[in-house]
């Protein structure tokens, strides 16, 4: 069954970092994840400054 996760918060609250952590955990277990973004600083790719 698919799960939709929607993270929101103020700037600097770690939304992108959380999305990247979840995606990493899924791929390490052999599951597929899809990261979607709008108006990220690096175009169409989710990035974090960490």
PDB file of N, CA and C in Angstrom:
ATOM      1  N   UNK A   1       0.846  -1.166   0.000  1.00  0.00           N
ATOM      2  CA  UNK A   1       0.000   0.000   0.000  1.00  0.00           C
ATOM      3  C   UNK A   1       0.896   1.236   0.000  1.00  0.00           C
ATOM      4  N   UNK A   2       0.533   2.218  -0.780  1.00  0.00           N
ATOM      5  CA  UNK A   2       1.301   3.454  -0.887  1.00  0.00           C
ATOM      6  C   UNK A   2       1.002   4.375   0.289  1.00  0.00           C
ATOM      7  N   UNK A   3       1.995   5.186   0.623  1.00  0.00           N
ATOM      8  CA  UNK A   3       1.852   6.166   1.690  1.00  0.00           C
ATOM      9  C   UNK A   3       2.264   7.530   1.150  1.00  0.00           C
ATOM     10  N   UNK A   4       1.453   8.525   1.382  1.00  0.00           N
ATOM     11  CA  UNK A   4       1.773   9.886   0.990  1.00  0.00           C
ATOM     12  C   UNK A   4       2.189  10.647   2.233  1.00  0.00           C
ATOM     13  N   UNK A   5       3.388  11.194   2.189  1.00  0.00           N
ATOM     14  CA  UNK A   5       3.873  12.016   3.307  1.00  0.00           C
ATOM     15  C   UNK A   5       4.001  13.442   2.823  1.00  0.00           C
ATOM     16  N   UNK A   6       3.395  14.347   3.542  1.00  0.00           N
ATOM     17  CA  UNK A   6       3.455  15.768   3.213  1.00  0.00           C
ATOM     18  C   UNK A   6       4.058  16.477   4.408  1.00  0.00           C
ATOM     19  N   UNK A   7       5.237  17.059   4.217  1.00  0.00           N
ATOM     20  CA  UNK A   7       5.918  17.777   5.293  1.00  0.00           C
ATOM     21  C   UNK A   7       5.837  19.273   5.029  1.00  0.00           C
ATOM     22  N   UNK A   8       5.488  20.012   6.060  1.00  0.00           N
ATOM     23  CA  UNK A   8       5.442  21.458   5.924  1.00  0.00           C
ATOM     24  C   UNK A   8       5.989  22.085   7.200  1.00  0.00           C
ATOM     25  N   UNK A   9       6.448  23.307   7.081  1.00  0.00           N
ATOM     26  CA  UNK A   9       6.987  24.024   8.224  1.00  0.00           C
ATOM     27  C   UNK A   9       7.647  25.308   7.762  1.00  0.00           C
ATOM     28  N   UNK A  10       8.177  26.029   8.692  1.00  0.00           N
ATOM     29  CA  UNK A  10       8.828  27.292   8.363  1.00  0.00           C
ATOM     30  C   UNK A  10      10.202  27.036   7.741  1.00  0.00           C
ATOM     31  N   UNK A  11      10.769  28.085   7.177  1.00  0.00           N
ATOM     32  CA  UNK A  11      12.112  27.960   6.611  1.00  0.00           C
ATOM     33  C   UNK A  11      13.088  27.579   7.713  1.00  0.00           C
ATOM     34  N   UNK A  12      13.998  26.690   7.383  1.00  0.00           N
ATOM     35  CA  UNK A  12      15.012  26.294   8.345  1.00  0.00           C
ATOM     36  C   UNK A  12      14.564  25.232   9.328  1.00  0.00           C
ATOM     37  N   UNK A  13      13.389  24.638   9.107  1.00  0.00           N
ATOM     38  CA  UNK A  13      12.903  23.643  10.063  1.00  0.00           C
ATOM     39  C   UNK A  13      13.318  22.223   9.708  1.00  0.00           C
ATOM     40  N   UNK A  14      14.023  22.023   8.589  1.00  0.00           N
ATOM     41  CA  UNK A  14      14.557  20.710   8.247  1.00  0.00           C
ATOM     42  C   UNK A  14      13.645  19.852   7.390  1.00  0.00           C
ATOM     43  N   UNK A  15      12.764  20.467   6.613  1.00  0.00           N
ATOM     44  CA  UNK A  15      11.845  19.697   5.771  1.00  0.00           C
ATOM     45  C   UNK A  15      12.586  18.896   4.707  1.00  0.00           C
ATOM     46  N   UNK A  16      13.517  19.520   4.026  1.00  0.00           N
ATOM     47  CA  UNK A  16      14.261  18.824   2.970  1.00  0.00           C
ATOM     48  C   UNK A  16      15.138  17.734   3.556  1.00  0.00           C
ATOM     49  N   UNK A  17      15.763  17.999   4.685  1.00  0.00           N
ATOM     50  CA  UNK A  17      16.606  17.000   5.329  1.00  0.00           C
ATOM     51  C   UNK A  17      15.781  15.791   5.740  1.00  0.00           C
ATOM     52  N   UNK A  18      14.592  16.010   6.272  1.00  0.00           N
ATOM     53  CA  UNK A  18      13.719  14.912   6.660  1.00  0.00           C
ATOM     54  C   UNK A  18      13.302  14.090   5.439  1.00  0.00           C
ATOM     55  N   UNK A  19      12.969  14.750   4.340  1.00  0.00           N
ATOM     56  CA  UNK A  19      12.576  14.036   3.122  1.00  0.00           C
ATOM     57  C   UNK A  19      13.726  13.190   2.594  1.00  0.00           C
ATOM     58  N   UNK A  20      14.944  13.726   2.627  1.00  0.00           N
ATOM     59  CA  UNK A  20      16.111  12.974   2.170  1.00  0.00           C
ATOM     60  C   UNK A  20      16.410  11.795   3.095  1.00  0.00           C
ATOM     61  N   UNK A  21      16.222  11.959   4.389  1.00  0.00           N
ATOM     62  CA  UNK A  21      16.437  10.865   5.336  1.00  0.00           C
ATOM     63  C   UNK A  21      15.440   9.741   5.112  1.00  0.00           C
ATOM     64  N   UNK A  22      14.180  10.086   4.906  1.00  0.00           N
ATOM     65  CA  UNK A  22      13.149   9.074   4.660  1.00  0.00           C
ATOM     66  C   UNK A  22      13.453   8.326   3.367  1.00  0.00           C
ATOM     67  N   UNK A  23      13.838   9.063   2.319  1.00  0.00           N
ATOM     68  CA  UNK A  23      14.165   8.430   1.043  1.00  0.00           C
ATOM     69  C   UNK A  23      15.372   7.498   1.188  1.00  0.00           C
ATOM     70  N   UNK A  24      16.375   7.907   1.928  1.00  0.00           N
ATOM     71  CA  UNK A  24      17.558   7.065   2.155  1.00  0.00           C
ATOM     72  C   UNK A  24      17.178   5.786   2.894  1.00  0.00           C
ATOM     73  N   UNK A  25      16.358   5.901   3.912  1.00  0.00           N
ATOM     74  CA  UNK A  25      15.924   4.723   4.667  1.00  0.00           C
ATOM     75  C   UNK A  25      15.116   3.756   3.798  1.00  0.00           C
ATOM     76  N   UNK A  26      14.278   4.292   2.922  1.00  0.00           N
ATOM     77  CA  UNK A  26      13.507   3.434   2.029  1.00  0.00           C
ATOM     78  C   UNK A  26      14.406   2.696   1.049  1.00  0.00           C
ATOM     79  N   UNK A  27      15.344   3.417   0.438  1.00  0.00           N
ATOM     80  CA  UNK A  27      16.209   2.783  -0.549  1.00  0.00           C
ATOM     81  C   UNK A  27      17.164   1.784   0.089  1.00  0.00           C
ATOM     82  N   UNK A  28      17.550   2.002   1.332  1.00  0.00           N
ATOM     83  CA  UNK A  28      18.430   1.038   1.999  1.00  0.00           C
ATOM     84  C   UNK A  28      17.706  -0.271   2.298  1.00  0.00           C
ATOM     85  N   UNK A  29      16.371  -0.225   2.360  1.00  0.00           N
ATOM     86  CA  UNK A  29      15.569  -1.433   2.564  1.00  0.00           C
ATOM     87  C   UNK A  29      15.081  -2.028   1.248  1.00  0.00           C
ATOM     88  N   UNK A  30      15.506  -1.446   0.124  1.00  0.00           N
ATOM     89  CA  UNK A  30      15.121  -1.964  -1.181  1.00  0.00           C
ATOM     90  C   UNK A  30      13.766  -1.496  -1.667  1.00  0.00           C
ATOM     91  N   UNK A  31      13.217  -0.465  -1.045  1.00  0.00           N
ATOM     92  CA  UNK A  31      11.923   0.075  -1.446  1.00  0.00           C
ATOM     93  C   UNK A  31      12.130   1.312  -2.309  1.00  0.00           C
ATOM     94  N   UNK A  32      11.162   1.632  -3.107  1.00  0.00           N
ATOM     95  CA  UNK A  32      11.256   2.791  -3.993  1.00  0.00           C
ATOM     96  C   UNK A  32      10.507   3.972  -3.397  1.00  0.00           C
ATOM     97  N   UNK A  33      11.119   5.119  -3.479  1.00  0.00           N
ATOM     98  CA  UNK A  33      10.486   6.348  -3.019  1.00  0.00           C
ATOM     99  C   UNK A  33      10.495   7.379  -4.130  1.00  0.00           C
ATOM    100  N   UNK A  34       9.627   8.352  -4.039  1.00  0.00           N
ATOM    101  CA  UNK A  34       9.534   9.410  -5.037  1.00  0.00           C
ATOM    102  C   UNK A  34       9.561  10.745  -4.303  1.00  0.00           C
ATOM    103  N   UNK A  35      10.575  11.546  -4.594  1.00  0.00           N
ATOM    104  CA  UNK A  35      10.687  12.872  -3.985  1.00  0.00           C
ATOM    105  C   UNK A  35      10.192  13.912  -4.976  1.00  0.00           C
ATOM    106  N   UNK A  36       9.235  14.692  -4.563  1.00  0.00           N
ATOM    107  CA  UNK A  36       8.694  15.753  -5.401  1.00  0.00           C
ATOM    108  C   UNK A  36       8.911  17.087  -4.710  1.00  0.00           C
ATOM    109  N   UNK A  37       9.215  18.103  -5.506  1.00  0.00           N
ATOM    110  CA  UNK A  37       9.448  19.422  -4.938  1.00  0.00           C
ATOM    111  C   UNK A  37       8.910  20.495  -5.872  1.00  0.00           C
ATOM    112  N   UNK A  38       8.736  21.642  -5.312  1.00  0.00           N
ATOM    113  CA  UNK A  38       8.334  22.804  -6.088  1.00  0.00           C
ATOM    114  C   UNK A  38       9.113  23.994  -5.542  1.00  0.00           C
ATOM    115  N   UNK A  39       9.748  24.709  -6.422  1.00  0.00           N
ATOM    116  CA  UNK A  39      10.493  25.926  -6.072  1.00  0.00           C
ATOM    117  C   UNK A  39      11.650  25.664  -5.116  1.00  0.00           C
ATOM    118  N   UNK A  40      12.348  24.547  -5.275  1.00  0.00           N
ATOM    119  CA  UNK A  40      13.541  24.295  -4.470  1.00  0.00           C
ATOM    120  C   UNK A  40      14.696  25.110  -5.038  1.00  0.00           C
ATOM    121  N   UNK A  41      15.690  25.399  -4.234  1.00  0.00           N
ATOM    122  CA  UNK A  41      16.800  26.243  -4.665  1.00  0.00           C
ATOM    123  C   UNK A  41      17.668  25.596  -5.736  1.00  0.00           C
ATOM    124  N   UNK A  42      17.552  24.273  -5.930  1.00  0.00           N
ATOM    125  CA  UNK A  42      18.371  23.576  -6.915  1.00  0.00           C
ATOM    126  C   UNK A  42      17.533  23.078  -8.089  1.00  0.00           C
ATOM    127  N   UNK A  43      16.485  23.771  -8.434  1.00  0.00           N
ATOM    128  CA  UNK A  43      15.653  23.359  -9.552  1.00  0.00           C
ATOM    129  C   UNK A  43      14.664  22.290  -9.140  1.00  0.00           C
ATOM    130  N   UNK A  44      14.647  21.180  -9.880  1.00  0.00           N
ATOM    131  CA  UNK A  44      13.680  20.124  -9.624  1.00  0.00           C
ATOM    132  C   UNK A  44      14.185  19.023  -8.728  1.00  0.00           C
ATOM    133  N   UNK A  45      15.285  19.227  -8.045  1.00  0.00           N
ATOM    134  CA  UNK A  45      15.877  18.198  -7.190  1.00  0.00           C
ATOM    135  C   UNK A  45      15.851  18.653  -5.724  1.00  0.00           C
ATOM    136  N   UNK A  46      15.461  17.756  -4.833  1.00  0.00           N
ATOM    137  CA  UNK A  46      15.434  18.077  -3.400  1.00  0.00           C
ATOM    138  C   UNK A  46      16.870  18.096  -2.897  1.00  0.00           C
ATOM    139  N   UNK A  47      17.263  19.184  -2.282  1.00  0.00           N
ATOM    140  CA  UNK A  47      18.621  19.331  -1.757  1.00  0.00           C
ATOM    141  C   UNK A  47      18.563  19.816  -0.314  1.00  0.00           C
ATOM    142  N   UNK A  48      19.664  19.637   0.369  1.00  0.00           N
ATOM    143  CA  UNK A  48      19.817  20.137   1.736  1.00  0.00           C
ATOM    144  C   UNK A  48      21.189  20.774   1.853  1.00  0.00           C
ATOM    145  N   UNK A  49      21.313  21.770   2.660  1.00  0.00           N
ATOM    146  CA  UNK A  49      22.609  22.442   2.828  1.00  0.00           C
ATOM    147  C   UNK A  49      23.514  21.739   3.811  1.00  0.00           C
ATOM    148  N   UNK A  50      23.015  20.684   4.467  1.00  0.00           N
ATOM    149  CA  UNK A  50      23.833  19.956   5.436  1.00  0.00           C
ATOM    150  C   UNK A  50      24.905  19.155   4.775  1.00  0.00           C
TER     151      UNK A  50
END
